Amino acid sequence: MNLQNVLSETGFTLEDVVKTSVFMTNLNHFGQMNDGYCHYFGNHHPARTTVQVAKLPRSAEIEIELVAIKRQLNQ
Protein backbone atom coordinates (compact mmCIF):
# COMPACT_ATOMS: atom_id res chain seq x y z
CA MET A 1 0.00 0.00 0.00
CA ASN A 2 1.62 3.25 -1.15
CA LEU A 3 -0.04 5.17 1.68
CA GLN A 4 1.87 3.12 4.26
CA ASN A 5 5.14 4.08 2.56
CA VAL A 6 4.25 7.78 2.57
CA LEU A 7 3.26 7.62 6.24
CA SER A 8 6.42 5.71 7.17
CA GLU A 9 8.69 8.16 5.36
CA THR A 10 7.24 10.97 7.48
CA GLY A 11 7.34 9.13 10.81
CA PHE A 12 3.69 8.09 10.94
CA THR A 13 1.84 4.76 10.91
CA LEU A 14 -1.70 3.75 10.02
CA GLU A 15 -2.47 3.99 13.76
CA ASP A 16 -1.87 7.77 13.52
CA VAL A 17 -4.60 8.18 10.87
CA VAL A 18 -7.69 9.94 12.25
CA LYS A 19 -9.68 10.52 9.03
CA THR A 20 -9.81 9.11 5.53
CA SER A 21 -11.60 10.24 2.40
CA VAL A 22 -12.13 7.55 -0.22
CA PHE A 23 -12.94 8.60 -3.78
CA MET A 24 -14.23 5.86 -6.09
CA THR A 25 -15.29 5.92 -9.72
CA ASN A 26 -17.63 2.94 -9.20
CA LEU A 27 -19.40 2.30 -5.88
CA ASN A 28 -20.28 -1.19 -7.11
CA HIS A 29 -16.73 -2.05 -5.97
CA PHE A 30 -17.33 -0.72 -2.45
CA GLY A 31 -17.32 -4.21 -0.91
CA GLN A 32 -13.92 -5.06 -2.41
CA MET A 33 -12.50 -1.69 -1.36
CA ASN A 34 -13.90 -2.13 2.15
CA ASP A 35 -12.34 -5.59 2.48
CA GLY A 36 -8.92 -4.19 1.55
CA TYR A 37 -9.42 -1.15 3.78
CA CYS A 38 -10.29 -3.36 6.77
CA HIS A 39 -7.30 -5.61 6.03
CA TYR A 40 -4.89 -2.68 6.37
CA PHE A 41 -6.56 -0.80 9.22
CA GLY A 42 -7.58 -3.87 11.25
CA ASN A 43 -9.13 -2.86 14.57
CA HIS A 44 -8.18 0.81 14.07
CA HIS A 45 -11.22 2.67 12.73
CA PRO A 46 -10.49 6.26 11.66
CA ALA A 47 -13.45 8.38 10.54
CA ARG A 48 -14.17 7.72 6.88
CA THR A 49 -16.05 9.38 4.06
CA THR A 50 -16.58 7.52 0.79
CA VAL A 51 -17.90 9.26 -2.31
CA GLN A 52 -18.34 8.40 -5.96
CA VAL A 53 -16.63 10.67 -8.48
CA ALA A 54 -16.82 10.82 -12.27
CA LYS A 55 -13.09 10.50 -12.88
CA LEU A 56 -9.74 10.34 -11.09
CA PRO A 57 -6.24 11.25 -12.27
CA ARG A 58 -4.25 8.62 -14.21
CA SER A 59 -7.44 6.60 -14.78
CA ALA A 60 -7.34 5.43 -11.15
CA GLU A 61 -10.48 3.75 -9.83
CA ILE A 62 -9.83 4.56 -6.16
CA GLU A 63 -8.04 7.39 -4.41
CA ILE A 64 -7.62 7.60 -0.64
CA GLU A 65 -6.71 10.75 1.24
CA LEU A 66 -5.47 10.46 4.83
CA VAL A 67 -5.24 12.84 7.77
CA ALA A 68 -2.76 11.68 10.41
CA ILE A 69 -1.91 13.25 13.75
CA LYS A 70 1.20 12.44 15.75
CA ARG A 71 0.16 12.29 19.37
CA GLN A 72 2.59 13.40 22.07
CA LEU A 73 2.98 11.16 25.10
CA ASN A 74 2.81 12.87 28.49
CA GLN A 75 6.03 12.45 30.45
PDB file of N, CA and C in Angstrom:
ATOM      1  N   MET A   1       0.853  -1.178   0.000  1.00  0.00           N
ATOM      2  CA  MET A   1       0.000   0.000   0.000  1.00  0.00           C
ATOM      3  C   MET A   1       0.894   1.234   0.000  1.00  0.00           C
ATOM      4  N   ASN A   2       0.806   2.045  -1.020  1.00  0.00           N
ATOM      5  CA  ASN A   2       1.620   3.246  -1.154  1.00  0.00           C
ATOM      6  C   ASN A   2       1.426   4.196   0.024  1.00  0.00           C
ATOM      7  N   LEU A   3       0.220   4.255   0.565  1.00  0.00           N
ATOM      8  CA  LEU A   3      -0.044   5.166   1.683  1.00  0.00           C
ATOM      9  C   LEU A   3       0.804   4.817   2.900  1.00  0.00           C
ATOM     10  N   GLN A   4       1.009   3.530   3.140  1.00  0.00           N
ATOM     11  CA  GLN A   4       1.866   3.122   4.259  1.00  0.00           C
ATOM     12  C   GLN A   4       3.285   3.636   4.061  1.00  0.00           C
ATOM     13  N   ASN A   5       3.793   3.585   2.845  1.00  0.00           N
ATOM     14  CA  ASN A   5       5.141   4.082   2.559  1.00  0.00           C
ATOM     15  C   ASN A   5       5.242   5.574   2.818  1.00  0.00           C
ATOM     16  N   VAL A   6       4.249   6.329   2.366  1.00  0.00           N
ATOM     17  CA  VAL A   6       4.253   7.778   2.575  1.00  0.00           C
ATOM     18  C   VAL A   6       4.206   8.089   4.065  1.00  0.00           C
ATOM     19  N   LEU A   7       3.344   7.404   4.792  1.00  0.00           N
ATOM     20  CA  LEU A   7       3.259   7.622   6.241  1.00  0.00           C
ATOM     21  C   LEU A   7       4.586   7.290   6.910  1.00  0.00           C
ATOM     22  N   SER A   8       5.162   6.157   6.571  1.00  0.00           N
ATOM     23  CA  SER A   8       6.418   5.709   7.172  1.00  0.00           C
ATOM     24  C   SER A   8       7.551   6.700   6.926  1.00  0.00           C
ATOM     25  N   GLU A   9       7.627   7.213   5.708  1.00  0.00           N
ATOM     26  CA  GLU A   9       8.693   8.163   5.362  1.00  0.00           C
ATOM     27  C   GLU A   9       8.610   9.453   6.170  1.00  0.00           C
ATOM     28  N   THR A  10       7.428   9.747   6.705  1.00  0.00           N
ATOM     29  CA  THR A  10       7.244  10.975   7.479  1.00  0.00           C
ATOM     30  C   THR A  10       7.079  10.707   8.974  1.00  0.00           C
ATOM     31  N   GLY A  11       7.372   9.469   9.392  1.00  0.00           N
ATOM     32  CA  GLY A  11       7.344   9.133  10.811  1.00  0.00           C
ATOM     33  C   GLY A  11       5.978   8.787  11.371  1.00  0.00           C
ATOM     34  N   PHE A  12       5.037   8.449  10.504  1.00  0.00           N
ATOM     35  CA  PHE A  12       3.690   8.094  10.941  1.00  0.00           C
ATOM     36  C   PHE A  12       3.410   6.626  10.630  1.00  0.00           C
ATOM     37  N   THR A  13       2.337   6.100  11.223  1.00  0.00           N
ATOM     38  CA  THR A  13       1.845   4.760  10.913  1.00  0.00           C
ATOM     39  C   THR A  13       0.346   4.859  10.650  1.00  0.00           C
ATOM     40  N   LEU A  14      -0.251   3.764  10.223  1.00  0.00           N
ATOM     41  CA  LEU A  14      -1.699   3.750  10.020  1.00  0.00           C
ATOM     42  C   LEU A  14      -2.446   4.032  11.321  1.00  0.00           C
ATOM     43  N   GLU A  15      -1.842   3.716  12.459  1.00  0.00           N
ATOM     44  CA  GLU A  15      -2.465   3.994  13.761  1.00  0.00           C
ATOM     45  C   GLU A  15      -2.597   5.490  14.031  1.00  0.00           C
ATOM     46  N   ASP A  16      -1.808   6.313  13.351  1.00  0.00           N
ATOM     47  CA  ASP A  16      -1.870   7.769  13.520  1.00  0.00           C
ATOM     48  C   ASP A  16      -2.963   8.414  12.664  1.00  0.00           C
ATOM     49  N   VAL A  17      -3.567   7.644  11.771  1.00  0.00           N
ATOM     50  CA  VAL A  17      -4.596   8.179  10.874  1.00  0.00           C
ATOM     51  C   VAL A  17      -5.890   8.395  11.659  1.00  0.00           C
ATOM     52  N   VAL A  18      -6.449   9.611  11.549  1.00  0.00           N
ATOM     53  CA  VAL A  18      -7.688   9.938  12.253  1.00  0.00           C
ATOM     54  C   VAL A  18      -8.871  10.112  11.301  1.00  0.00           C
ATOM     55  N   LYS A  19      -8.603  10.316  10.003  1.00  0.00           N
ATOM     56  CA  LYS A  19      -9.678  10.518   9.030  1.00  0.00           C
ATOM     57  C   LYS A  19      -9.203  10.087   7.653  1.00  0.00           C
ATOM     58  N   THR A  20     -10.096   9.448   6.919  1.00  0.00           N
ATOM     59  CA  THR A  20      -9.807   9.105   5.531  1.00  0.00           C
ATOM     60  C   THR A  20     -10.954   9.580   4.647  1.00  0.00           C
ATOM     61  N   SER A  21     -10.613   9.936   3.438  1.00  0.00           N
ATOM     62  CA  SER A  21     -11.604  10.242   2.404  1.00  0.00           C
ATOM     63  C   SER A  21     -11.305   9.312   1.243  1.00  0.00           C
ATOM     64  N   VAL A  22     -12.292   8.526   0.858  1.00  0.00           N
ATOM     65  CA  VAL A  22     -12.130   7.554  -0.221  1.00  0.00           C
ATOM     66  C   VAL A  22     -12.950   8.036  -1.414  1.00  0.00           C
ATOM     67  N   PHE A  23     -12.291   8.178  -2.546  1.00  0.00           N
ATOM     68  CA  PHE A  23     -12.941   8.605  -3.784  1.00  0.00           C
ATOM     69  C   PHE A  23     -12.933   7.417  -4.740  1.00  0.00           C
ATOM     70  N   MET A  24     -14.108   7.028  -5.214  1.00  0.00           N
ATOM     71  CA  MET A  24     -14.235   5.863  -6.085  1.00  0.00           C
ATOM     72  C   MET A  24     -15.000   6.238  -7.352  1.00  0.00           C
ATOM     73  N   THR A  25     -14.574   5.669  -8.470  1.00  0.00           N
ATOM     74  CA  THR A  25     -15.293   5.918  -9.716  1.00  0.00           C
ATOM     75  C   THR A  25     -16.471   4.970  -9.891  1.00  0.00           C
ATOM     76  N   ASN A  26     -16.539   3.906  -9.082  1.00  0.00           N
ATOM     77  CA  ASN A  26     -17.630   2.941  -9.199  1.00  0.00           C
ATOM     78  C   ASN A  26     -17.932   2.363  -7.816  1.00  0.00           C
ATOM     79  N   LEU A  27     -19.040   2.794  -7.221  1.00  0.00           N
ATOM     80  CA  LEU A  27     -19.397   2.305  -5.884  1.00  0.00           C
ATOM     81  C   LEU A  27     -19.829   0.842  -5.883  1.00  0.00           C
ATOM     82  N   ASN A  28     -20.005   0.241  -7.061  1.00  0.00           N
ATOM     83  CA  ASN A  28     -20.283  -1.193  -7.110  1.00  0.00           C
ATOM     84  C   ASN A  28     -19.109  -1.998  -6.567  1.00  0.00           C
ATOM     85  N   HIS A  29     -17.925  -1.384  -6.498  1.00  0.00           N
ATOM     86  CA  HIS A  29     -16.732  -2.051  -5.971  1.00  0.00           C
ATOM     87  C   HIS A  29     -16.490  -1.714  -4.497  1.00  0.00           C
ATOM     88  N   PHE A  30     -17.492  -1.127  -3.848  1.00  0.00           N
ATOM     89  CA  PHE A  30     -17.328  -0.720  -2.452  1.00  0.00           C
ATOM     90  C   PHE A  30     -16.947  -1.904  -1.563  1.00  0.00           C
ATOM     91  N   GLY A  31     -17.599  -3.037  -1.741  1.00  0.00           N
ATOM     92  CA  GLY A  31     -17.315  -4.211  -0.912  1.00  0.00           C
ATOM     93  C   GLY A  31     -15.864  -4.645  -1.007  1.00  0.00           C
ATOM     94  N   GLN A  32     -15.327  -4.687  -2.214  1.00  0.00           N
ATOM     95  CA  GLN A  32     -13.924  -5.057  -2.407  1.00  0.00           C
ATOM     96  C   GLN A  32     -12.999  -4.026  -1.774  1.00  0.00           C
ATOM     97  N   MET A  33     -13.318  -2.746  -1.963  1.00  0.00           N
ATOM     98  CA  MET A  33     -12.501  -1.694  -1.358  1.00  0.00           C
ATOM     99  C   MET A  33     -12.551  -1.811   0.155  1.00  0.00           C
ATOM    100  N   ASN A  34     -13.743  -2.046   0.701  1.00  0.00           N
ATOM    101  CA  ASN A  34     -13.902  -2.127   2.148  1.00  0.00           C
ATOM    102  C   ASN A  34     -13.134  -3.311   2.728  1.00  0.00           C
ATOM    103  N   ASP A  35     -13.118  -4.430   2.022  1.00  0.00           N
ATOM    104  CA  ASP A  35     -12.344  -5.590   2.478  1.00  0.00           C
ATOM    105  C   ASP A  35     -10.860  -5.241   2.574  1.00  0.00           C
ATOM    106  N   GLY A  36     -10.326  -4.597   1.540  1.00  0.00           N
ATOM    107  CA  GLY A  36      -8.921  -4.189   1.553  1.00  0.00           C
ATOM    108  C   GLY A  36      -8.647  -3.155   2.628  1.00  0.00           C
ATOM    109  N   TYR A  37      -9.542  -2.205   2.768  1.00  0.00           N
ATOM    110  CA  TYR A  37      -9.420  -1.149   3.778  1.00  0.00           C
ATOM    111  C   TYR A  37      -9.339  -1.778   5.173  1.00  0.00           C
ATOM    112  N   CYS A  38     -10.265  -2.695   5.460  1.00  0.00           N
ATOM    113  CA  CYS A  38     -10.288  -3.359   6.773  1.00  0.00           C
ATOM    114  C   CYS A  38      -9.041  -4.212   6.986  1.00  0.00           C
ATOM    115  N   HIS A  39      -8.526  -4.810   5.928  1.00  0.00           N
ATOM    116  CA  HIS A  39      -7.304  -5.609   6.033  1.00  0.00           C
ATOM    117  C   HIS A  39      -6.149  -4.745   6.537  1.00  0.00           C
ATOM    118  N   TYR A  40      -6.004  -3.552   5.989  1.00  0.00           N
ATOM    119  CA  TYR A  40      -4.889  -2.678   6.366  1.00  0.00           C
ATOM    120  C   TYR A  40      -5.109  -1.987   7.707  1.00  0.00           C
ATOM    121  N   PHE A  41      -6.323  -1.535   7.981  1.00  0.00           N
ATOM    122  CA  PHE A  41      -6.562  -0.797   9.218  1.00  0.00           C
ATOM    123  C   PHE A  41      -6.894  -1.706  10.400  1.00  0.00           C
ATOM    124  N   GLY A  42      -7.305  -2.937  10.157  1.00  0.00           N
ATOM    125  CA  GLY A  42      -7.581  -3.873  11.246  1.00  0.00           C
ATOM    126  C   GLY A  42      -8.591  -3.311  12.233  1.00  0.00           C
ATOM    127  N   ASN A  43      -8.227  -3.330  13.523  1.00  0.00           N
ATOM    128  CA  ASN A  43      -9.126  -2.855  14.574  1.00  0.00           C
ATOM    129  C   ASN A  43      -9.101  -1.342  14.746  1.00  0.00           C
ATOM    130  N   HIS A  44      -8.242  -0.657  14.022  1.00  0.00           N
ATOM    131  CA  HIS A  44      -8.180   0.808  14.067  1.00  0.00           C
ATOM    132  C   HIS A  44      -9.216   1.351  13.084  1.00  0.00           C
ATOM    133  N   HIS A  45     -10.118   2.195  13.567  1.00  0.00           N
ATOM    134  CA  HIS A  45     -11.222   2.671  12.730  1.00  0.00           C
ATOM    135  C   HIS A  45     -11.258   4.200  12.660  1.00  0.00           C
ATOM    136  N   PRO A  46     -10.418   4.808  11.810  1.00  0.00           N
ATOM    137  CA  PRO A  46     -10.492   6.264  11.660  1.00  0.00           C
ATOM    138  C   PRO A  46     -11.822   6.654  11.001  1.00  0.00           C
ATOM    139  N   ALA A  47     -12.248   7.886  11.224  1.00  0.00           N
ATOM    140  CA  ALA A  47     -13.449   8.381  10.544  1.00  0.00           C
ATOM    141  C   ALA A  47     -13.238   8.252   9.038  1.00  0.00           C
ATOM    142  N   ARG A  48     -14.318   7.924   8.327  1.00  0.00           N
ATOM    143  CA  ARG A  48     -14.169   7.721   6.884  1.00  0.00           C
ATOM    144  C   ARG A  48     -15.356   8.288   6.127  1.00  0.00           C
ATOM    145  N   THR A  49     -15.048   8.937   5.027  1.00  0.00           N
ATOM    146  CA  THR A  49     -16.046   9.383   4.062  1.00  0.00           C
ATOM    147  C   THR A  49     -15.730   8.689   2.749  1.00  0.00           C
ATOM    148  N   THR A  50     -16.759   8.146   2.102  1.00  0.00           N
ATOM    149  CA  THR A  50     -16.576   7.521   0.791  1.00  0.00           C
ATOM    150  C   THR A  50     -17.557   8.161  -0.182  1.00  0.00           C
ATOM    151  N   VAL A  51     -17.043   8.622  -1.307  1.00  0.00           N
ATOM    152  CA  VAL A  51     -17.898   9.259  -2.313  1.00  0.00           C
ATOM    153  C   VAL A  51     -17.555   8.738  -3.704  1.00  0.00           C
ATOM    154  N   GLN A  52     -18.567   8.751  -4.565  1.00  0.00           N
ATOM    155  CA  GLN A  52     -18.337   8.395  -5.962  1.00  0.00           C
ATOM    156  C   GLN A  52     -18.019   9.663  -6.745  1.00  0.00           C
ATOM    157  N   VAL A  53     -17.026   9.559  -7.616  1.00  0.00           N
ATOM    158  CA  VAL A  53     -16.625  10.675  -8.475  1.00  0.00           C
ATOM    159  C   VAL A  53     -16.652  10.207  -9.929  1.00  0.00           C
ATOM    160  N   ALA A  54     -16.754  11.160 -10.839  1.00  0.00           N
ATOM    161  CA  ALA A  54     -16.824  10.819 -12.265  1.00  0.00           C
ATOM    162  C   ALA A  54     -15.505  10.291 -12.799  1.00  0.00           C
ATOM    163  N   LYS A  55     -14.393  10.869 -12.334  1.00  0.00           N
ATOM    164  CA  LYS A  55     -13.089  10.504 -12.884  1.00  0.00           C
ATOM    165  C   LYS A  55     -12.005  10.847 -11.878  1.00  0.00           C
ATOM    166  N   LEU A  56     -10.909  10.081 -11.930  1.00  0.00           N
ATOM    167  CA  LEU A  56      -9.741  10.336 -11.091  1.00  0.00           C
ATOM    168  C   LEU A  56      -8.503  10.454 -11.976  1.00  0.00           C
ATOM    169  N   PRO A  57      -7.472  11.129 -11.494  1.00  0.00           N
ATOM    170  CA  PRO A  57      -6.237  11.251 -12.273  1.00  0.00           C
ATOM    171  C   PRO A  57      -5.641   9.885 -12.612  1.00  0.00           C
ATOM    172  N   ARG A  58      -4.962   9.822 -13.746  1.00  0.00           N
ATOM    173  CA  ARG A  58      -4.253   8.619 -14.209  1.00  0.00           C
ATOM    174  C   ARG A  58      -5.169   7.406 -14.354  1.00  0.00           C
ATOM    175  N   SER A  59      -6.439   7.663 -14.604  1.00  0.00           N
ATOM    176  CA  SER A  59      -7.438   6.597 -14.781  1.00  0.00           C
ATOM    177  C   SER A  59      -7.567   5.693 -13.560  1.00  0.00           C
ATOM    178  N   ALA A  60      -7.208   6.202 -12.390  1.00  0.00           N
ATOM    179  CA  ALA A  60      -7.344   5.425 -11.155  1.00  0.00           C
ATOM    180  C   ALA A  60      -8.819   5.170 -10.877  1.00  0.00           C
ATOM    181  N   GLU A  61      -9.114   4.063 -10.219  1.00  0.00           N
ATOM    182  CA  GLU A  61     -10.483   3.753  -9.832  1.00  0.00           C
ATOM    183  C   GLU A  61     -10.758   4.153  -8.390  1.00  0.00           C
ATOM    184  N   ILE A  62      -9.688   4.202  -7.573  1.00  0.00           N
ATOM    185  CA  ILE A  62      -9.827   4.555  -6.158  1.00  0.00           C
ATOM    186  C   ILE A  62      -8.692   5.488  -5.769  1.00  0.00           C
ATOM    187  N   GLU A  63      -9.038   6.503  -5.010  1.00  0.00           N
ATOM    188  CA  GLU A  63      -8.037   7.395  -4.413  1.00  0.00           C
ATOM    189  C   GLU A  63      -8.395   7.540  -2.942  1.00  0.00           C
ATOM    190  N   ILE A  64      -7.385   7.459  -2.078  1.00  0.00           N
ATOM    191  CA  ILE A  64      -7.616   7.596  -0.641  1.00  0.00           C
ATOM    192  C   ILE A  64      -6.755   8.725  -0.110  1.00  0.00           C
ATOM    193  N   GLU A  65      -7.396   9.629   0.599  1.00  0.00           N
ATOM    194  CA  GLU A  65      -6.709  10.753   1.242  1.00  0.00           C
ATOM    195  C   GLU A  65      -6.725  10.495   2.747  1.00  0.00           C
ATOM    196  N   LEU A  66      -5.587  10.711   3.390  1.00  0.00           N
ATOM    197  CA  LEU A  66      -5.474  10.463   4.831  1.00  0.00           C
ATOM    198  C   LEU A  66      -5.156  11.738   5.590  1.00  0.00           C
ATOM    199  N   VAL A  67      -5.651  11.810   6.818  1.00  0.00           N
ATOM    200  CA  VAL A  67      -5.239  12.836   7.768  1.00  0.00           C
ATOM    201  C   VAL A  67      -4.680  12.083   8.965  1.00  0.00           C
ATOM    202  N   ALA A  68      -3.413  12.350   9.286  1.00  0.00           N
ATOM    203  CA  ALA A  68      -2.762  11.675  10.409  1.00  0.00           C
ATOM    204  C   ALA A  68      -2.286  12.719  11.412  1.00  0.00           C
ATOM    205  N   ILE A  69      -2.356  12.364  12.675  1.00  0.00           N
ATOM    206  CA  ILE A  69      -1.915  13.248  13.755  1.00  0.00           C
ATOM    207  C   ILE A  69      -0.941  12.475  14.623  1.00  0.00           C
ATOM    208  N   LYS A  70       0.211  13.066  14.870  1.00  0.00           N
ATOM    209  CA  LYS A  70       1.199  12.442  15.754  1.00  0.00           C
ATOM    210  C   LYS A  70       0.895  12.905  17.169  1.00  0.00           C
ATOM    211  N   ARG A  71       0.517  11.969  17.987  1.00  0.00           N
ATOM    212  CA  ARG A  71       0.164  12.291  19.369  1.00  0.00           C
ATOM    213  C   ARG A  71       1.419  12.325  20.230  1.00  0.00           C
ATOM    214  N   GLN A  72       1.481  13.285  21.124  1.00  0.00           N
ATOM    215  CA  GLN A  72       2.595  13.401  22.065  1.00  0.00           C
ATOM    216  C   GLN A  72       2.243  12.628  23.339  1.00  0.00           C
ATOM    217  N   LEU A  73       3.180  11.863  23.843  1.00  0.00           N
ATOM    218  CA  LEU A  73       2.977  11.157  25.103  1.00  0.00           C
ATOM    219  C   LEU A  73       3.334  12.081  26.256  1.00  0.00           C
ATOM    220  N   ASN A  74       2.497  12.081  27.295  1.00  0.00           N
ATOM    221  CA  ASN A  74       2.810  12.870  28.492  1.00  0.00           C
ATOM    222  C   ASN A  74       3.937  12.203  29.254  1.00  0.00           C
ATOM    223  N   GLN A  75       4.897  13.016  29.713  1.00  0.00           N
ATOM    224  CA  GLN A  75       6.033  12.445  30.450  1.00  0.00           C
ATOM    225  C   GLN A  75       5.943  12.803  31.900  1.00  0.00           C
TER     226      GLN A  75
END
